C-alpha atoms as a PDB file:
ATOM      1  CA  UNK A   1      34.325  55.508 -23.854  1.00  0.00           C
ATOM      2  CA  UNK A   2      31.970  52.068 -25.407  1.00  0.00           C
ATOM      3  CA  UNK A   3      31.526  52.925 -29.072  1.00  0.00           C
ATOM      4  CA  UNK A   4      30.282  51.205 -31.993  1.00  0.00           C
ATOM      5  CA  UNK A   5      32.678  51.625 -34.819  1.00  0.00           C
ATOM      6  CA  UNK A   6      29.544  52.961 -36.735  1.00  0.00           C
ATOM      7  CA  UNK A   7      29.525  55.677 -33.641  1.00  0.00           C
ATOM      8  CA  UNK A   8      26.398  54.085 -31.747  1.00  0.00           C
ATOM      9  CA  UNK A   9      25.484  53.066 -28.282  1.00  0.00           C
ATOM     10  CA  UNK A  10      28.158  50.392 -27.825  1.00  0.00           C
ATOM     11  CA  UNK A  11      25.983  47.277 -26.461  1.00  0.00           C
ATOM     12  CA  UNK A  12      26.200  45.556 -23.060  1.00  0.00           C
ATOM     13  CA  UNK A  13      28.481  43.115 -24.543  1.00  0.00           C
ATOM     14  CA  UNK A  14      30.823  41.769 -28.039  1.00  0.00           C
ATOM     15  CA  UNK A  15      33.592  39.505 -28.173  1.00  0.00           C
ATOM     16  CA  UNK A  16      37.412  39.592 -27.163  1.00  0.00           C
ATOM     17  CA  UNK A  17      39.189  40.703 -29.934  1.00  0.00           C
ATOM     18  CA  UNK A  18      43.409  40.303 -29.322  1.00  0.00           C
ATOM     19  CA  UNK A  19      44.372  40.878 -32.766  1.00  0.00           C
ATOM     20  CA  UNK A  20      47.722  43.143 -33.001  1.00  0.00           C
ATOM     21  CA  UNK A  21      45.106  45.730 -35.020  1.00  0.00           C
ATOM     22  CA  UNK A  22      43.209  45.463 -31.688  1.00  0.00           C
ATOM     23  CA  UNK A  23      45.316  45.370 -29.600  1.00  0.00           C
ATOM     24  CA  UNK A  24      47.098  48.839 -30.898  1.00  0.00           C
ATOM     25  CA  UNK A  25      43.806  50.526 -31.101  1.00  0.00           C
ATOM     26  CA  UNK A  26      43.884  49.837 -26.882  1.00  0.00           C
ATOM     27  CA  UNK A  27      46.863  51.177 -26.397  1.00  0.00           C
ATOM     28  CA  UNK A  28      45.318  54.006 -29.011  1.00  0.00           C
ATOM     29  CA  UNK A  29      42.388  54.453 -26.142  1.00  0.00           C
ATOM     30  CA  UNK A  30      45.205  54.603 -23.359  1.00  0.00           C
ATOM     31  CA  UNK A  31      46.904  57.172 -25.032  1.00  0.00           C
ATOM     32  CA  UNK A  32      43.792  59.490 -25.548  1.00  0.00           C
ATOM     33  CA  UNK A  33      42.697  59.433 -21.608  1.00  0.00           C
ATOM     34  CA  UNK A  34      45.946  59.678 -20.537  1.00  0.00           C
ATOM     35  CA  UNK A  35      45.669  63.109 -22.367  1.00  0.00           C
ATOM     36  CA  UNK A  36      42.241  63.386 -21.117  1.00  0.00           C
ATOM     37  CA  UNK A  37      43.890  63.395 -17.965  1.00  0.00           C
ATOM     38  CA  UNK A  38      46.306  65.846 -17.843  1.00  0.00           C
ATOM     39  CA  UNK A  39      43.631  68.008 -19.758  1.00  0.00           C
ATOM     40  CA  UNK A  40      41.786  67.600 -16.290  1.00  0.00           C
ATOM     41  CA  UNK A  41      44.395  68.018 -14.060  1.00  0.00           C
ATOM     42  CA  UNK A  42      45.101  71.221 -15.858  1.00  0.00           C
ATOM     43  CA  UNK A  43      41.838  72.513 -15.461  1.00  0.00           C
ATOM     44  CA  UNK A  44      42.085  71.487 -11.842  1.00  0.00           C
ATOM     45  CA  UNK A  45      45.484  73.317 -11.442  1.00  0.00           C
ATOM     46  CA  UNK A  46      44.090  76.764 -13.282  1.00  0.00           C
ATOM     47  CA  UNK A  47      41.126  76.815  -9.720  1.00  0.00           C
ATOM     48  CA  UNK A  48      44.181  75.725  -7.149  1.00  0.00           C
ATOM     49  CA  UNK A  49      46.560  78.128  -8.434  1.00  0.00           C
ATOM     50  CA  UNK A  50      44.121  81.664  -8.250  1.00  0.00           C
ATOM     51  CA  UNK A  51      42.965  80.590  -4.597  1.00  0.00           C
ATOM     52  CA  UNK A  52      46.260  80.878  -3.053  1.00  0.00           C
ATOM     53  CA  UNK A  53      46.308  79.659  -0.205  1.00  0.00           C
ATOM     54  CA  UNK A  54      48.478  76.509   1.935  1.00  0.00           C
ATOM     55  CA  UNK A  55      45.038  73.886   2.173  1.00  0.00           C
ATOM     56  CA  UNK A  56      45.726  73.996  -1.907  1.00  0.00           C
ATOM     57  CA  UNK A  57      49.265  73.105  -2.210  1.00  0.00           C
ATOM     58  CA  UNK A  58      48.987  69.224  -1.418  1.00  0.00           C
ATOM     59  CA  UNK A  59      46.551  69.594  -3.967  1.00  0.00           C
ATOM     60  CA  UNK A  60      48.039  71.656  -7.077  1.00  0.00           C
ATOM     61  CA  UNK A  61      51.481  69.329  -6.201  1.00  0.00           C
ATOM     62  CA  UNK A  62      49.230  66.360  -6.547  1.00  0.00           C
ATOM     63  CA  UNK A  63      47.512  67.105  -9.859  1.00  0.00           C
ATOM     64  CA  UNK A  64      50.795  68.500 -11.456  1.00  0.00           C
ATOM     65  CA  UNK A  65      52.762  65.363 -10.287  1.00  0.00           C
ATOM     66  CA  UNK A  66      49.588  63.533 -12.090  1.00  0.00           C
ATOM     67  CA  UNK A  67      49.516  65.680 -15.158  1.00  0.00           C
ATOM     68  CA  UNK A  68      53.269  64.874 -15.632  1.00  0.00           C
ATOM     69  CA  UNK A  69      53.390  61.404 -15.570  1.00  0.00           C
ATOM     70  CA  UNK A  70      50.565  60.677 -17.415  1.00  0.00           C
ATOM     71  CA  UNK A  71      51.954  63.116 -19.798  1.00  0.00           C
ATOM     72  CA  UNK A  72      55.149  61.232 -20.301  1.00  0.00           C
ATOM     73  CA  UNK A  73      53.130  58.116 -20.613  1.00  0.00           C
ATOM     74  CA  UNK A  74      51.700  59.120 -23.915  1.00  0.00           C
ATOM     75  CA  UNK A  75      55.629  58.612 -25.447  1.00  0.00           C
ATOM     76  CA  UNK A  76      56.486  55.857 -23.847  1.00  0.00           C
ATOM     77  CA  UNK A  77      58.026  52.845 -26.692  1.00  0.00           C
ATOM     78  CA  UNK A  78      56.268  49.766 -27.062  1.00  0.00           C
ATOM     79  CA  UNK A  79      52.507  50.539 -27.010  1.00  0.00           C
ATOM     80  CA  UNK A  80      52.870  48.401 -30.318  1.00  0.00           C
ATOM     81  CA  UNK A  81      53.940  51.664 -32.092  1.00  0.00           C
ATOM     82  CA  UNK A  82      50.729  53.941 -31.396  1.00  0.00           C
ATOM     83  CA  UNK A  83      52.553  55.403 -28.816  1.00  0.00           C
ATOM     84  CA  UNK A  84      53.685  59.027 -29.506  1.00  0.00           C
ATOM     85  CA  UNK A  85      56.682  60.295 -30.944  1.00  0.00           C
ATOM     86  CA  UNK A  86      58.689  63.597 -30.619  1.00  0.00           C
ATOM     87  CA  UNK A  87      57.888  64.178 -34.523  1.00  0.00           C
ATOM     88  CA  UNK A  88      54.198  64.583 -33.730  1.00  0.00           C
ATOM     89  CA  UNK A  89      54.498  67.729 -32.270  1.00  0.00           C
ATOM     90  CA  UNK A  90      54.983  69.378 -35.692  1.00  0.00           C
ATOM     91  CA  UNK A  91      51.454  68.096 -36.543  1.00  0.00           C
ATOM     92  CA  UNK A  92      50.008  70.161 -33.567  1.00  0.00           C
ATOM     93  CA  UNK A  93      50.122  73.269 -35.448  1.00  0.00           C
ATOM     94  CA  UNK A  94      51.682  74.840 -32.093  1.00  0.00           C
ATOM     95  CA  UNK A  95      53.669  77.703 -32.911  1.00  0.00           C
ATOM     96  CA  UNK A  96      56.887  78.577 -30.635  1.00  0.00           C
ATOM     97  CA  UNK A  97      58.954  76.051 -30.320  1.00  0.00           C
ATOM     98  CA  UNK A  98      57.293  72.821 -29.083  1.00  0.00           C
ATOM     99  CA  UNK A  99      59.537  70.204 -28.914  1.00  0.00           C
ATOM    100  CA  UNK A 100      61.756  72.323 -26.742  1.00  0.00           C
ATOM    101  CA  UNK A 101      58.120  72.605 -24.478  1.00  0.00           C
ATOM    102  CA  UNK A 102      58.432  69.033 -24.357  1.00  0.00           C
ATOM    103  CA  UNK A 103      61.769  68.156 -23.429  1.00  0.00           C
ATOM    104  CA  UNK A 104      60.636  71.105 -20.208  1.00  0.00           C
ATOM    105  CA  UNK A 105      58.143  68.670 -19.087  1.00  0.00           C
ATOM    106  CA  UNK A 106      60.343  65.285 -19.293  1.00  0.00           C
ATOM    107  CA  UNK A 107      62.756  67.056 -17.254  1.00  0.00           C
ATOM    108  CA  UNK A 108      59.637  68.582 -14.638  1.00  0.00           C
ATOM    109  CA  UNK A 109      58.496  65.109 -14.553  1.00  0.00           C
ATOM    110  CA  UNK A 110      61.882  64.233 -13.286  1.00  0.00           C
ATOM    111  CA  UNK A 111      62.389  67.171 -10.791  1.00  0.00           C
ATOM    112  CA  UNK A 112      58.757  65.882  -9.542  1.00  0.00           C
ATOM    113  CA  UNK A 113      58.567  62.031  -9.838  1.00  0.00           C
ATOM    114  CA  UNK A 114      62.384  60.505 -10.113  1.00  0.00           C
ATOM    115  CA  UNK A 115      64.617  63.145  -8.054  1.00  0.00           C
ATOM    116  CA  UNK A 116      65.412  61.852  -4.543  1.00  0.00           C
ATOM    117  CA  UNK A 117      65.428  65.393  -3.899  1.00  0.00           C
ATOM    118  CA  UNK A 118      62.103  66.381  -1.994  1.00  0.00           C
ATOM    119  CA  UNK A 119      60.216  69.052  -4.759  1.00  0.00           C
ATOM    120  CA  UNK A 120      58.427  70.407  -2.367  1.00  0.00           C
ATOM    121  CA  UNK A 121      60.510  71.668   0.385  1.00  0.00           C
ATOM    122  CA  UNK A 122      64.358  72.294   1.259  1.00  0.00           C
ATOM    123  CA  UNK A 123      65.625  71.284   4.113  1.00  0.00           C
ATOM    124  CA  UNK A 124      68.215  73.357   6.421  1.00  0.00           C
ATOM    125  CA  UNK A 125      70.214  72.458   9.727  1.00  0.00           C
ATOM    126  CA  UNK A 126      72.118  74.941  11.522  1.00  0.00           C
ATOM    127  CA  UNK A 127      73.835  75.001  14.873  1.00  0.00           C
ATOM    128  CA  UNK A 128      71.878  77.974  17.624  1.00  0.00           C
ATOM    129  CA  UNK A 129      74.835  79.371  19.774  1.00  0.00           C
ATOM    130  CA  UNK A 130      74.443  81.027  23.137  1.00  0.00           C
ATOM    131  CA  UNK A 131      75.799  84.114  24.260  1.00  0.00           C
ATOM    132  CA  UNK A 132      79.316  82.319  24.640  1.00  0.00           C
ATOM    133  CA  UNK A 133      79.602  81.457  21.138  1.00  0.00           C
ATOM    134  CA  UNK A 134      79.078  77.447  22.005  1.00  0.00           C
ATOM    135  CA  UNK A 135      76.296  75.439  20.502  1.00  0.00           C
ATOM    136  CA  UNK A 136      73.542  76.057  22.266  1.00  0.00           C
ATOM    137  CA  UNK A 137      71.054  73.948  20.158  1.00  0.00           C
ATOM    138  CA  UNK A 138      70.298  72.232  16.599  1.00  0.00           C
ATOM    139  CA  UNK A 139      67.777  73.713  14.524  1.00  0.00           C
ATOM    140  CA  UNK A 140      66.154  72.374  11.264  1.00  0.00           C
ATOM    141  CA  UNK A 141      64.517  74.781   8.697  1.00  0.00           C
ATOM    142  CA  UNK A 142      63.091  74.640   5.441  1.00  0.00           C
ATOM    143  CA  UNK A 143      61.775  76.498   3.044  1.00  0.00           C
ATOM    144  CA  UNK A 144      58.171  75.873   0.110  1.00  0.00           C
ATOM    145  CA  UNK A 145      59.705  75.753  -3.010  1.00  0.00           C
ATOM    146  CA  UNK A 146      57.755  77.465  -5.791  1.00  0.00           C
ATOM    147  CA  UNK A 147      54.156  75.836  -6.670  1.00  0.00           C
ATOM    148  CA  UNK A 148      53.935  75.535 -10.526  1.00  0.00           C
ATOM    149  CA  UNK A 149      52.613  79.136 -12.550  1.00  0.00           C
ATOM    150  CA  UNK A 150      50.223  79.443 -14.765  1.00  0.00           C
ATOM    151  CA  UNK A 151      51.472  80.065 -17.730  1.00  0.00           C
ATOM    152  CA  UNK A 152      53.108  76.465 -17.601  1.00  0.00           C
ATOM    153  CA  UNK A 153      49.901  74.924 -16.999  1.00  0.00           C
ATOM    154  CA  UNK A 154      47.691  76.929 -19.666  1.00  0.00           C
ATOM    155  CA  UNK A 155      50.940  75.702 -22.006  1.00  0.00           C
ATOM    156  CA  UNK A 156      50.518  72.216 -21.284  1.00  0.00           C
ATOM    157  CA  UNK A 157      46.873  71.785 -21.151  1.00  0.00           C
ATOM    158  CA  UNK A 158      47.262  73.644 -24.256  1.00  0.00           C
ATOM    159  CA  UNK A 159      49.770  70.906 -26.026  1.00  0.00           C
ATOM    160  CA  UNK A 160      47.842  68.122 -24.312  1.00  0.00           C
ATOM    161  CA  UNK A 161      44.789  69.185 -26.039  1.00  0.00           C
ATOM    162  CA  UNK A 162      46.233  69.297 -29.778  1.00  0.00           C
ATOM    163  CA  UNK A 163      47.902  65.945 -29.209  1.00  0.00           C
ATOM    164  CA  UNK A 164      44.168  64.216 -28.069  1.00  0.00           C
ATOM    165  CA  UNK A 165      42.753  65.132 -31.391  1.00  0.00           C
ATOM    166  CA  UNK A 166      45.688  64.233 -33.487  1.00  0.00           C
ATOM    167  CA  UNK A 167      45.276  60.742 -31.130  1.00  0.00           C
ATOM    168  CA  UNK A 168      41.524  61.080 -31.917  1.00  0.00           C
ATOM    169  CA  UNK A 169      41.905  60.919 -35.949  1.00  0.00           C
ATOM    170  CA  UNK A 170      44.427  57.931 -35.473  1.00  0.00           C
ATOM    171  CA  UNK A 171      41.977  56.354 -32.906  1.00  0.00           C
ATOM    172  CA  UNK A 172      38.921  56.229 -35.888  1.00  0.00           C
ATOM    173  CA  UNK A 173      40.823  54.834 -38.101  1.00  0.00           C
ATOM    174  CA  UNK A 174      41.982  52.077 -36.641  1.00  0.00           C
ATOM    175  CA  UNK A 175      38.813  51.283 -35.155  1.00  0.00           C
ATOM    176  CA  UNK A 176      37.578  50.947 -38.975  1.00  0.00           C
ATOM    177  CA  UNK A 177      41.435  48.461 -39.415  1.00  0.00           C
ATOM    178  CA  UNK A 178      39.811  46.513 -36.814  1.00  0.00           C
ATOM    179  CA  UNK A 179      36.093  46.409 -37.750  1.00  0.00           C
ATOM    180  CA  UNK A 180      37.502  45.576 -41.358  1.00  0.00           C
ATOM    181  CA  UNK A 181      39.326  42.648 -40.264  1.00  0.00           C
ATOM    182  CA  UNK A 182      36.232  41.388 -37.686  1.00  0.00           C
ATOM    183  CA  UNK A 183      33.283  41.686 -40.297  1.00  0.00           C
ATOM    184  CA  UNK A 184      35.576  38.838 -42.416  1.00  0.00           C
ATOM    185  CA  UNK A 185      35.270  36.293 -39.325  1.00  0.00           C
ATOM    186  CA  UNK A 186      32.748  34.027 -39.659  1.00  0.00           C
ATOM    187  CA  UNK A 187      29.813  34.407 -36.731  1.00  0.00           C
ATOM    188  CA  UNK A 188      31.273  30.761 -35.199  1.00  0.00           C
ATOM    189  CA  UNK A 189      35.220  31.891 -35.031  1.00  0.00           C
ATOM    190  CA  UNK A 190      33.127  35.265 -33.623  1.00  0.00           C
ATOM    191  CA  UNK A 191      31.095  33.635 -31.159  1.00  0.00           C
ATOM    192  CA  UNK A 192      34.535  31.138 -30.001  1.00  0.00           C
ATOM    193  CA  UNK A 193      35.474  34.543 -28.601  1.00  0.00           C
ATOM    194  CA  UNK A 194      35.686  35.394 -24.869  1.00  0.00           C
ATOM    195  CA  UNK A 195      33.127  37.316 -24.015  1.00  0.00           C
ATOM    196  CA  UNK A 196      33.706  41.248 -22.311  1.00  0.00           C
ATOM    197  CA  UNK A 197      31.724  43.046 -20.656  1.00  0.00           C
ATOM    198  CA  UNK A 198      31.466  46.265 -22.440  1.00  0.00           C
ATOM    199  CA  UNK A 199      32.644  49.271 -19.673  1.00  0.00           C
ATOM    200  CA  UNK A 200      34.712  49.017 -16.593  1.00  0.00           C
ATOM    201  CA  UNK A 201      34.944  44.734 -16.364  1.00  0.00           C
ATOM    202  CA  UNK A 202      37.756  43.073 -18.072  1.00  0.00           C
ATOM    203  CA  UNK A 203      37.368  40.065 -20.280  1.00  0.00           C
ATOM    204  CA  UNK A 204      36.585  37.162 -19.222  1.00  0.00           C
ATOM    205  CA  UNK A 205      38.545  34.052 -19.925  1.00  0.00           C
END
């Protein structure tokens, strides 16, 4: 995602900005990345759900849990005011009760992530009886819970896509704010900032 404000390919190194506007831009980038993860998970889920064999159940569960967690993180309070809010749902242009679908995703996240109950299996304990009716042994049984369905995945992916579009626009606007401030700084002031390796590395100093 390394890119300069003008859209050209970023240099190998830069100066680390920690102004409020720059930190807010970083938060927007993190939100955008989470939404991209939701989209990627939904795409993989649709492939996994069509195969329908037992080996894929664990992958489906892992992808869906990751999608729900990533989506919920975008709406967490804080993030220097950059986090998504329910009012942003109206900007997606999607038809239907988008707010209710958003609320459903929150409830599903609680079910899959924060719930104390195993979301994959329901377990039952029984007692086997001998011919004389007395207890002969204990039986432990389980029933698999249904996997997420295709419609849920498709609608979640569509919502994540539209929210990504909104966040992308905000990133571009915020980049311009940060760049305007940076252009006003002197060369010496910029040189005094910590070096930032562009890519996956953390800033130095």
